[in-house]
Amino acid sequence: MRAARKKRSARTALSNVPAEPDVNPLLDRLQPYPFEKLRVLLKDATPPADLPHISFGIGEPKHATPALIREAVVAALDTLSSYPATIGTPALRETIAAWAMRRYGLPSLDAAAEVLPVSGSREALFALAQTVVDGTRPGAVVLCPNPFYQIYEGAALLAGAAPYFVNSDPARNFACDYAAVPGDVWARTQLLYVCSPGNPTGAVLTLDDWRELFALSDKHGFVIASDECYSEIYFDEANPSLGGLEAAHRLGRGFERLVMLSSLSKRSNVPGMRSGFVAGDAAILKRFLLYRTYHGAALSPVYQAASVAAWSDEAHVRDNRAKYVSKFSTVTPMLADVLDVRLPDAAFYLWANVARTGLTDAEFARRLYADYNVTVLPGSYLARTAHGVNPGRDFVRLALVADVKECVDGAKRIVDFCRGLAR
């Protein structure tokens, strides 16, 4: 009988345990990722079985990883027996500093204090907000471009700040309208994310844009995080896209309150390595290193060695760009016959306006998949409704990451689909 009472007592105690454990309530503010929204949109559609699937939906590089990087990975396998240092090897930091000085015409970049390897720019974009944002300050704000990379929003929310979206203007090459941001918002801003070349628009910040942002940072004291993971994909070898550190140097200033983030994923077709770096303000990077030491995000020693090989070579990067130039120069005029689309400044996305088809961006994406087995990403999924407008509405994003033939085949299907709508 005592045993039965003990069992009933145990069941009663267990029944008082909450069905779900208490966790960080800020997690409830995160929105589904765009690709989850796309999965839900397409789940009941049945594409034609005789047409192989072509995906323009996900911005994952598909070009082959260069042999020199694969060989460097194999050569470094013995280093797996050692724990990696969060600060990275001196060889990697020095190689990154040398690359950045060559690429951006910088007179100097301190490899010991102004460069830090990271586990891909996505990890660093998120972690940086946790380092520089004081979420205990009432009304803390993180400014994000709109449309945007959703990591910015999540990083702001989990740092305890409110994301404030700055809409881009299609009439101004998708430049963000910073003049429309109220003064009280600037006064509460702790971090500004910029993305140049932009995802999804491909727009590149000009020197005048940077002058405006630096002046605002000087006045209000916020940090600028410049996401430049697409910096090495541009269409004119004589005119590489402008970077944040380069802009600071050309404007005769230091790197105060400026951190740029870059990655090998797109440049060298190694998204699986998760290798990137941050560079800029030494004081911020010192605190960022402290955060990441506890965060435990050190880059594998194998991939640190392979990254040295990747950042040291430009031949494979030029070859990579040539492939994108070929695809964009072929596909863009094809789609321009049926959609409002043009060659972007840089990056590997086409940002196409579908309003002339009479469909919303989500309807366009669903029907294109159902009728022609081609996936594109609705632009409204890459933006938020802010100040009464969703600036991604009526657009779709096409990632031209597959080979030329597949991109051309996909473009032909889109043309056929649009012409069928017009009949």
Protein backbone atom coordinates (compact mmCIF):
# COMPACT_ATOMS: atom_id res chain seq x y z
CA MET A 1 0.00 0.00 0.00
CA ARG A 2 2.88 2.40 0.83
CA ALA A 3 4.36 1.62 -2.62
CA ALA A 4 1.07 2.56 -4.30
CA ARG A 5 0.94 5.86 -2.38
CA LYS A 6 4.52 6.64 -3.49
CA LYS A 7 3.60 6.01 -7.14
CA ARG A 8 0.53 8.30 -6.87
CA SER A 9 2.67 10.96 -5.19
CA ALA A 10 5.25 10.75 -7.98
CA ARG A 11 2.56 11.07 -10.65
CA THR A 12 1.10 14.10 -8.86
CA ALA A 13 4.51 15.76 -8.70
CA LEU A 14 5.09 15.13 -12.40
CA SER A 15 1.67 16.56 -13.28
CA ASN A 16 2.77 19.88 -11.80
CA VAL A 17 5.72 20.14 -14.17
CA PRO A 18 4.96 22.59 -17.05
CA ALA A 19 4.31 20.92 -20.41
CA GLU A 20 7.11 23.05 -21.89
CA PRO A 21 10.18 24.34 -20.04
CA ASP A 22 10.68 28.03 -19.45
CA VAL A 23 13.03 29.44 -22.09
CA ASN A 24 14.14 32.85 -23.27
CA PRO A 25 10.84 34.63 -24.06
CA LEU A 26 12.56 36.68 -26.76
CA LEU A 27 12.61 33.52 -28.89
CA ASP A 28 8.86 33.91 -29.33
CA ARG A 29 9.45 37.14 -31.25
CA LEU A 30 11.41 35.42 -34.02
CA GLN A 31 9.59 35.01 -37.32
CA PRO A 32 9.77 31.96 -39.60
CA TYR A 33 12.68 32.03 -41.99
CA PRO A 34 11.82 32.92 -45.63
CA PHE A 35 12.49 29.38 -46.83
CA GLU A 36 10.05 27.95 -44.27
CA LYS A 37 7.42 30.37 -45.57
CA LEU A 38 8.25 29.24 -49.11
CA ARG A 39 7.89 25.57 -48.11
CA VAL A 40 4.42 26.28 -46.72
CA LEU A 41 3.46 28.25 -49.84
CA LEU A 42 4.42 25.39 -52.17
CA LYS A 43 3.50 22.35 -50.08
CA ASP A 44 0.18 21.64 -51.82
CA ALA A 45 1.38 22.43 -55.34
CA THR A 46 2.18 19.55 -57.70
CA PRO A 47 4.67 20.54 -60.39
CA PRO A 48 4.79 18.70 -63.73
CA ALA A 49 6.72 15.45 -63.35
CA ASP A 50 8.29 15.71 -66.81
CA LEU A 51 10.16 18.92 -65.95
CA PRO A 52 13.18 18.61 -63.65
CA HIS A 53 13.15 21.02 -60.76
CA ILE A 54 15.14 24.24 -61.18
CA SER A 55 15.74 26.30 -58.07
CA PHE A 56 16.46 30.01 -58.08
CA GLY A 57 15.27 30.16 -54.49
CA ILE A 58 18.30 29.67 -52.24
CA GLY A 59 21.49 31.72 -52.49
CA GLU A 60 23.82 28.76 -52.07
CA PRO A 61 26.86 28.80 -54.40
CA LYS A 62 26.93 25.85 -56.80
CA HIS A 63 30.22 26.40 -58.61
CA ALA A 64 32.92 23.83 -57.89
CA THR A 65 35.21 24.39 -54.91
CA PRO A 66 38.69 25.22 -56.27
CA ALA A 67 41.24 22.40 -56.17
CA LEU A 68 43.75 24.50 -54.23
CA ILE A 69 41.29 24.77 -51.32
CA ARG A 70 40.42 21.06 -51.33
CA GLU A 71 44.12 20.23 -51.37
CA ALA A 72 44.77 22.60 -48.48
CA VAL A 73 42.03 20.89 -46.44
CA VAL A 74 43.60 17.47 -46.98
CA ALA A 75 47.08 18.75 -46.18
CA ALA A 76 45.87 20.18 -42.86
CA LEU A 77 43.97 17.15 -41.55
CA ASP A 78 46.65 16.41 -38.95
CA THR A 79 45.74 19.67 -37.19
CA LEU A 80 42.41 18.13 -36.10
CA SER A 81 44.18 16.83 -33.00
CA SER A 82 44.46 20.40 -31.64
CA TYR A 83 41.87 22.77 -30.24
CA PRO A 84 41.61 25.91 -32.39
CA ALA A 85 42.21 29.33 -30.89
CA THR A 86 39.24 31.69 -31.18
CA ILE A 87 41.57 34.47 -32.25
CA GLY A 88 42.79 32.35 -35.18
CA THR A 89 46.32 31.59 -36.28
CA PRO A 90 48.72 34.46 -36.93
CA ALA A 91 49.10 33.16 -40.49
CA LEU A 92 45.37 33.48 -41.17
CA ARG A 93 45.03 36.93 -39.62
CA GLU A 94 48.05 38.20 -41.53
CA THR A 95 46.78 36.71 -44.80
CA ILE A 96 43.36 38.35 -44.32
CA ALA A 97 44.95 41.70 -43.48
CA ALA A 98 47.14 41.52 -46.59
CA TRP A 99 44.14 40.63 -48.76
CA ALA A 100 42.04 43.50 -47.39
CA MET A 101 44.87 46.00 -47.93
CA ARG A 102 45.26 44.86 -51.56
CA ARG A 103 41.53 44.72 -52.23
CA TYR A 104 40.58 48.04 -50.67
CA GLY A 105 43.76 50.07 -51.09
CA LEU A 106 44.28 50.38 -47.34
CA PRO A 107 47.69 51.69 -46.19
CA SER A 108 47.58 49.40 -43.16
CA LEU A 109 45.42 46.94 -41.25
CA ASP A 110 46.69 45.56 -37.95
CA ALA A 111 46.41 41.78 -38.19
CA ALA A 112 46.73 41.42 -34.42
CA ALA A 113 44.11 43.99 -33.39
CA GLU A 114 41.89 44.83 -36.37
CA VAL A 115 41.22 41.36 -37.86
CA LEU A 116 39.40 38.38 -36.38
CA PRO A 117 38.52 35.14 -38.21
CA VAL A 118 34.93 33.94 -37.67
CA SER A 119 32.84 30.88 -38.43
CA GLY A 120 31.17 32.48 -41.44
CA SER A 121 29.69 35.97 -41.62
CA ARG A 122 26.25 34.75 -40.51
CA GLU A 123 27.55 33.68 -37.11
CA ALA A 124 29.44 36.92 -36.72
CA LEU A 125 26.52 39.14 -37.77
CA PHE A 126 24.41 37.60 -35.04
CA ALA A 127 27.11 37.53 -32.36
CA LEU A 128 28.18 41.12 -32.98
CA ALA A 129 24.79 42.42 -31.87
CA GLN A 130 25.08 40.43 -28.64
CA THR A 131 28.42 42.17 -28.06
CA VAL A 132 27.67 45.81 -28.84
CA VAL A 133 23.96 46.19 -27.97
CA ASP A 134 22.97 47.03 -24.40
CA GLY A 135 19.46 45.61 -24.32
CA THR A 136 18.95 46.91 -20.77
CA ARG A 137 18.84 50.48 -22.04
CA PRO A 138 15.20 51.55 -22.53
CA GLY A 139 14.23 51.80 -26.17
CA ALA A 140 17.45 50.32 -27.60
CA VAL A 141 17.23 50.19 -31.42
CA VAL A 142 19.03 48.28 -34.16
CA LEU A 143 18.55 49.70 -37.66
CA CYS A 144 18.14 47.22 -40.54
CA PRO A 145 17.73 47.69 -44.28
CA ASN A 146 14.39 46.60 -45.71
CA PRO A 147 14.38 44.19 -47.61
CA PHE A 148 17.04 42.51 -45.52
CA TYR A 149 18.87 39.40 -44.35
CA GLN A 150 16.72 38.03 -41.54
CA ILE A 151 19.68 37.39 -39.23
CA TYR A 152 19.77 41.15 -38.55
CA GLU A 153 16.27 41.09 -37.10
CA GLY A 154 16.87 38.00 -35.00
CA ALA A 155 20.15 39.36 -33.68
CA ALA A 156 18.46 42.60 -32.63
CA LEU A 157 15.57 40.87 -30.89
CA LEU A 158 17.72 38.41 -28.96
CA ALA A 159 20.01 41.23 -27.87
CA GLY A 160 16.97 42.86 -26.29
CA ALA A 161 16.66 45.67 -28.84
CA ALA A 162 13.91 46.65 -31.25
CA PRO A 163 14.66 46.32 -34.97
CA TYR A 164 13.79 49.45 -36.94
CA PHE A 165 13.43 48.90 -40.67
CA VAL A 166 14.67 51.48 -43.16
CA ASN A 167 12.85 50.98 -46.46
CA SER A 168 14.76 50.93 -49.71
CA ASP A 169 13.62 53.04 -52.64
CA PRO A 170 13.46 51.37 -56.09
CA ALA A 171 13.59 54.82 -57.70
CA ARG A 172 16.99 55.43 -56.05
CA ASN A 173 18.65 52.13 -56.96
CA PHE A 174 17.18 50.60 -53.80
CA ALA A 175 19.09 52.98 -51.55
CA CYS A 176 17.76 53.06 -47.98
CA ASP A 177 15.90 56.23 -47.05
CA TYR A 178 17.91 57.19 -43.97
CA ALA A 179 16.60 60.76 -44.18
CA ALA A 180 13.19 59.41 -43.19
CA VAL A 181 14.44 57.99 -39.88
CA PRO A 182 13.21 60.23 -37.00
CA GLY A 183 15.79 61.91 -34.80
CA ASP A 184 14.58 60.14 -31.65
CA VAL A 185 15.19 56.78 -33.35
CA TRP A 186 18.74 57.76 -34.29
CA ALA A 187 19.31 58.85 -30.68
CA ARG A 188 18.36 55.34 -29.44
CA THR A 189 20.23 53.45 -32.17
CA GLN A 190 23.10 51.26 -30.98
CA LEU A 191 23.82 49.27 -34.12
CA LEU A 192 23.23 49.82 -37.84
CA TYR A 193 23.38 46.88 -40.23
CA VAL A 194 24.19 47.66 -43.84
CA CYS A 195 24.55 45.11 -46.62
CA SER A 196 26.62 46.11 -49.65
CA PRO A 197 26.35 44.56 -52.18
CA GLY A 198 22.84 44.11 -50.95
CA ASN A 199 20.78 40.98 -50.50
CA PRO A 200 18.39 40.80 -52.33
CA THR A 201 18.75 43.92 -54.48
CA GLY A 202 22.46 43.82 -55.37
CA ALA A 203 22.75 47.55 -54.67
CA VAL A 204 26.16 48.90 -53.60
CA LEU A 205 26.58 51.84 -51.21
CA THR A 206 28.26 54.86 -52.78
CA LEU A 207 30.93 57.02 -51.18
CA ASP A 208 28.27 59.67 -50.53
CA ASP A 209 26.13 57.03 -48.79
CA TRP A 210 29.05 56.16 -46.54
CA ARG A 211 29.74 59.83 -45.82
CA GLU A 212 26.14 60.19 -44.61
CA LEU A 213 26.32 57.06 -42.44
CA PHE A 214 29.65 58.00 -40.87
CA ALA A 215 28.30 61.46 -40.02
CA LEU A 216 25.26 59.90 -38.34
CA SER A 217 27.48 57.44 -36.43
CA ASP A 218 29.72 60.30 -35.27
CA LYS A 219 26.68 62.25 -34.06
CA HIS A 220 24.83 59.43 -32.32
CA GLY A 221 27.62 56.99 -31.40
CA PHE A 222 26.21 53.79 -32.90
CA VAL A 223 28.27 50.96 -34.42
CA ILE A 224 28.04 50.18 -38.14
CA ALA A 225 28.16 46.51 -39.15
CA SER A 226 28.90 46.32 -42.87
CA ASP A 227 27.86 42.94 -44.29
CA GLU A 228 30.03 42.47 -47.39
CA CYS A 229 29.75 38.74 -48.04
CA TYR A 230 28.93 39.38 -51.74
CA SER A 231 31.78 41.86 -52.26
CA GLU A 232 33.72 39.70 -54.71
CA ILE A 233 30.86 39.10 -57.14
CA TYR A 234 30.67 42.07 -59.48
CA PHE A 235 30.50 42.50 -63.24
CA ASP A 236 33.32 44.87 -64.21
CA GLU A 237 36.86 43.83 -63.29
CA ALA A 238 37.93 47.48 -63.41
CA ASN A 239 35.25 48.57 -60.91
CA PRO A 240 35.04 46.36 -57.83
CA SER A 241 32.33 47.21 -55.33
CA LEU A 242 33.18 49.77 -52.65
CA GLY A 243 33.70 48.45 -49.13
CA GLY A 244 33.21 50.09 -45.76
CA LEU A 245 36.88 50.12 -44.72
CA GLU A 246 37.78 51.48 -48.14
CA ALA A 247 35.18 54.23 -47.81
CA ALA A 248 36.52 55.19 -44.39
CA HIS A 249 40.06 55.44 -45.76
CA ARG A 250 38.98 57.46 -48.80
CA LEU A 251 37.10 59.87 -46.55
CA GLY A 252 40.19 60.39 -44.41
CA ARG A 253 38.92 58.74 -41.25
CA GLY A 254 39.82 55.73 -39.11
CA PHE A 255 37.71 52.65 -38.39
CA GLU A 256 36.03 53.97 -35.25
CA ARG A 257 32.63 52.30 -34.67
CA LEU A 258 32.98 50.43 -37.98
CA VAL A 259 33.18 46.65 -38.42
CA MET A 260 33.08 44.99 -41.82
CA LEU A 261 32.25 41.31 -42.26
CA SER A 262 33.29 39.14 -45.17
CA SER A 263 33.23 35.48 -46.11
CA LEU A 264 34.75 32.86 -48.39
CA SER A 265 31.39 31.20 -49.05
CA LYS A 266 30.44 33.16 -52.17
CA ARG A 267 33.93 34.36 -53.13
CA SER A 268 35.49 30.90 -53.18
CA ASN A 269 32.46 28.55 -53.34
CA VAL A 270 33.05 26.98 -49.92
CA PRO A 271 29.85 27.60 -47.92
CA GLY A 272 30.47 24.34 -46.06
CA MET A 273 33.70 25.68 -44.57
CA ARG A 274 31.86 28.46 -42.70
CA SER A 275 34.91 30.69 -42.95
CA GLY A 276 34.91 34.46 -42.79
CA PHE A 277 36.36 37.38 -40.92
CA VAL A 278 35.53 40.68 -39.27
CA ALA A 279 37.80 43.71 -39.47
CA GLY A 280 37.74 47.29 -38.27
CA ASP A 281 37.56 49.07 -34.92
CA ALA A 282 40.16 47.43 -32.65
CA ALA A 283 38.27 48.33 -29.46
CA ILE A 284 35.10 46.62 -30.69
CA LEU A 285 37.01 43.57 -31.91
CA LYS A 286 38.68 43.20 -28.51
CA ARG A 287 35.27 42.93 -26.84
CA PHE A 288 33.96 40.77 -29.67
CA LEU A 289 36.84 38.33 -29.14
CA LEU A 290 35.93 38.11 -25.45
CA TYR A 291 32.31 37.31 -26.34
CA ARG A 292 33.29 34.70 -28.92
CA THR A 293 35.76 33.05 -26.55
CA TYR A 294 32.81 32.19 -24.31
CA HIS A 295 30.49 31.59 -27.26
CA GLY A 296 32.78 28.81 -28.50
CA ALA A 297 32.75 29.58 -32.21
CA ALA A 298 36.41 29.04 -33.12
CA LEU A 299 37.09 28.12 -36.74
CA SER A 300 38.42 24.58 -37.30
CA PRO A 301 42.23 24.50 -37.66
CA VAL A 302 41.78 22.60 -40.92
CA TYR A 303 39.62 25.35 -42.35
CA GLN A 304 41.90 28.04 -41.01
CA ALA A 305 44.72 26.53 -43.07
CA ALA A 306 42.48 26.17 -46.12
CA SER A 307 41.34 29.78 -45.68
CA VAL A 308 44.94 30.96 -45.91
CA ALA A 309 45.13 29.27 -49.31
CA ALA A 310 41.82 30.77 -50.41
CA TRP A 311 42.52 34.37 -49.38
CA SER A 312 45.97 34.15 -50.99
CA ASP A 313 44.67 33.34 -54.48
CA GLU A 314 42.71 35.61 -56.85
CA ALA A 315 42.75 33.48 -60.02
CA HIS A 316 39.87 31.28 -58.86
CA VAL A 317 37.91 34.38 -57.79
CA ARG A 318 38.23 35.96 -61.23
CA ASP A 319 37.13 32.67 -62.79
CA ASN A 320 34.15 32.60 -60.43
CA ARG A 321 33.15 36.14 -61.41
CA ALA A 322 33.44 35.28 -65.10
CA LYS A 323 30.87 32.51 -64.65
CA TYR A 324 28.42 34.93 -63.05
CA VAL A 325 29.02 37.54 -65.75
CA SER A 326 28.17 34.91 -68.38
CA LYS A 327 24.94 33.91 -66.62
CA PHE A 328 23.73 37.43 -65.89
CA SER A 329 24.53 38.74 -69.37
CA THR A 330 22.51 35.89 -70.87
CA VAL A 331 19.59 35.58 -68.47
CA THR A 332 18.89 39.24 -67.67
CA PRO A 333 17.85 40.30 -71.21
CA MET A 334 15.72 37.15 -71.55
CA LEU A 335 13.73 37.99 -68.42
CA ALA A 336 13.59 41.69 -69.24
CA ASP A 337 11.21 40.84 -72.08
CA VAL A 338 8.54 39.72 -69.61
CA LEU A 339 9.47 41.22 -66.21
CA ASP A 340 10.82 44.51 -64.92
CA VAL A 341 14.39 43.46 -64.21
CA ARG A 342 17.87 44.83 -64.79
CA LEU A 343 21.47 43.91 -64.09
CA PRO A 344 22.25 44.62 -60.42
CA ASP A 345 25.32 46.49 -59.21
CA ALA A 346 26.78 43.26 -57.82
CA ALA A 347 26.00 39.94 -56.03
CA PHE A 348 24.31 36.94 -57.67
CA TYR A 349 20.63 37.84 -57.39
CA LEU A 350 18.15 39.22 -59.87
CA TRP A 351 15.48 41.31 -58.14
CA ALA A 352 12.56 41.17 -60.55
CA ASN A 353 9.33 43.14 -60.33
CA VAL A 354 6.39 40.92 -61.31
CA ALA A 355 3.57 43.49 -60.99
CA ARG A 356 3.00 43.59 -64.75
CA THR A 357 1.95 39.92 -64.65
CA GLY A 358 -1.08 40.79 -62.53
CA LEU A 359 0.01 38.38 -59.79
CA THR A 360 1.34 39.10 -56.32
CA ASP A 361 4.90 37.95 -55.66
CA ALA A 362 3.63 34.96 -53.65
CA GLU A 363 1.08 34.00 -56.32
CA PHE A 364 3.76 34.30 -58.98
CA ALA A 365 6.11 32.01 -57.05
CA ARG A 366 3.42 29.40 -56.37
CA ARG A 367 2.04 29.26 -59.90
CA LEU A 368 5.49 29.23 -61.49
CA TYR A 369 6.39 26.22 -59.34
CA ALA A 370 3.07 24.47 -59.98
CA ASP A 371 3.17 25.04 -63.75
CA TYR A 372 6.89 24.88 -64.58
CA ASN A 373 8.70 23.38 -61.55
CA VAL A 374 10.84 26.50 -61.03
CA THR A 375 11.36 27.93 -57.56
CA VAL A 376 11.82 31.64 -56.85
CA LEU A 377 11.54 33.46 -53.53
CA PRO A 378 8.74 36.02 -53.02
CA GLY A 379 10.23 39.41 -52.22
CA SER A 380 7.68 40.10 -49.48
CA TYR A 381 9.20 37.17 -47.55
CA LEU A 382 12.52 39.05 -47.48
CA ALA A 383 11.07 42.24 -46.01
CA ARG A 384 8.80 43.52 -43.28
CA THR A 385 5.84 45.84 -43.56
CA ALA A 386 7.30 49.04 -42.16
CA HIS A 387 5.90 52.58 -42.26
CA GLY A 388 2.90 51.23 -44.16
CA VAL A 389 4.92 49.55 -46.92
CA ASN A 390 6.45 46.15 -47.60
CA PRO A 391 9.23 47.13 -50.05
CA GLY A 392 9.64 43.52 -51.18
CA ARG A 393 6.05 43.35 -52.38
CA ASP A 394 5.68 42.67 -56.13
CA PHE A 395 9.28 41.43 -56.40
CA VAL A 396 10.79 37.96 -56.59
CA ARG A 397 14.42 37.05 -55.93
CA LEU A 398 16.25 34.77 -58.35
CA ALA A 399 19.60 33.35 -57.24
CA LEU A 400 21.63 32.58 -60.37
CA VAL A 401 23.84 30.05 -58.61
CA ALA A 402 23.47 27.00 -60.89
CA ASP A 403 25.44 26.53 -64.11
CA VAL A 404 24.69 28.54 -67.24
CA LYS A 405 22.59 25.86 -68.91
CA GLU A 406 20.31 25.38 -65.90
CA CYS A 407 19.91 29.13 -65.44
CA VAL A 408 19.02 29.58 -69.11
CA ASP A 409 16.57 26.66 -68.99
CA GLY A 410 14.94 28.18 -65.91
CA ALA A 411 14.75 31.60 -67.56
CA LYS A 412 13.07 30.08 -70.62
CA ARG A 413 10.43 28.49 -68.42
CA ILE A 414 9.79 31.82 -66.67
CA VAL A 415 9.42 33.54 -70.04
CA ASP A 416 6.95 30.87 -71.21
CA PHE A 417 5.03 31.18 -67.93
CA CYS A 418 4.76 34.98 -68.19
CA ARG A 419 3.74 34.88 -71.84
CA GLY A 420 1.07 32.34 -70.97
CA LEU A 421 -0.32 34.72 -68.36
CA ALA A 422 -0.53 37.48 -70.96
CA ARG A 423 -2.67 35.41 -73.34
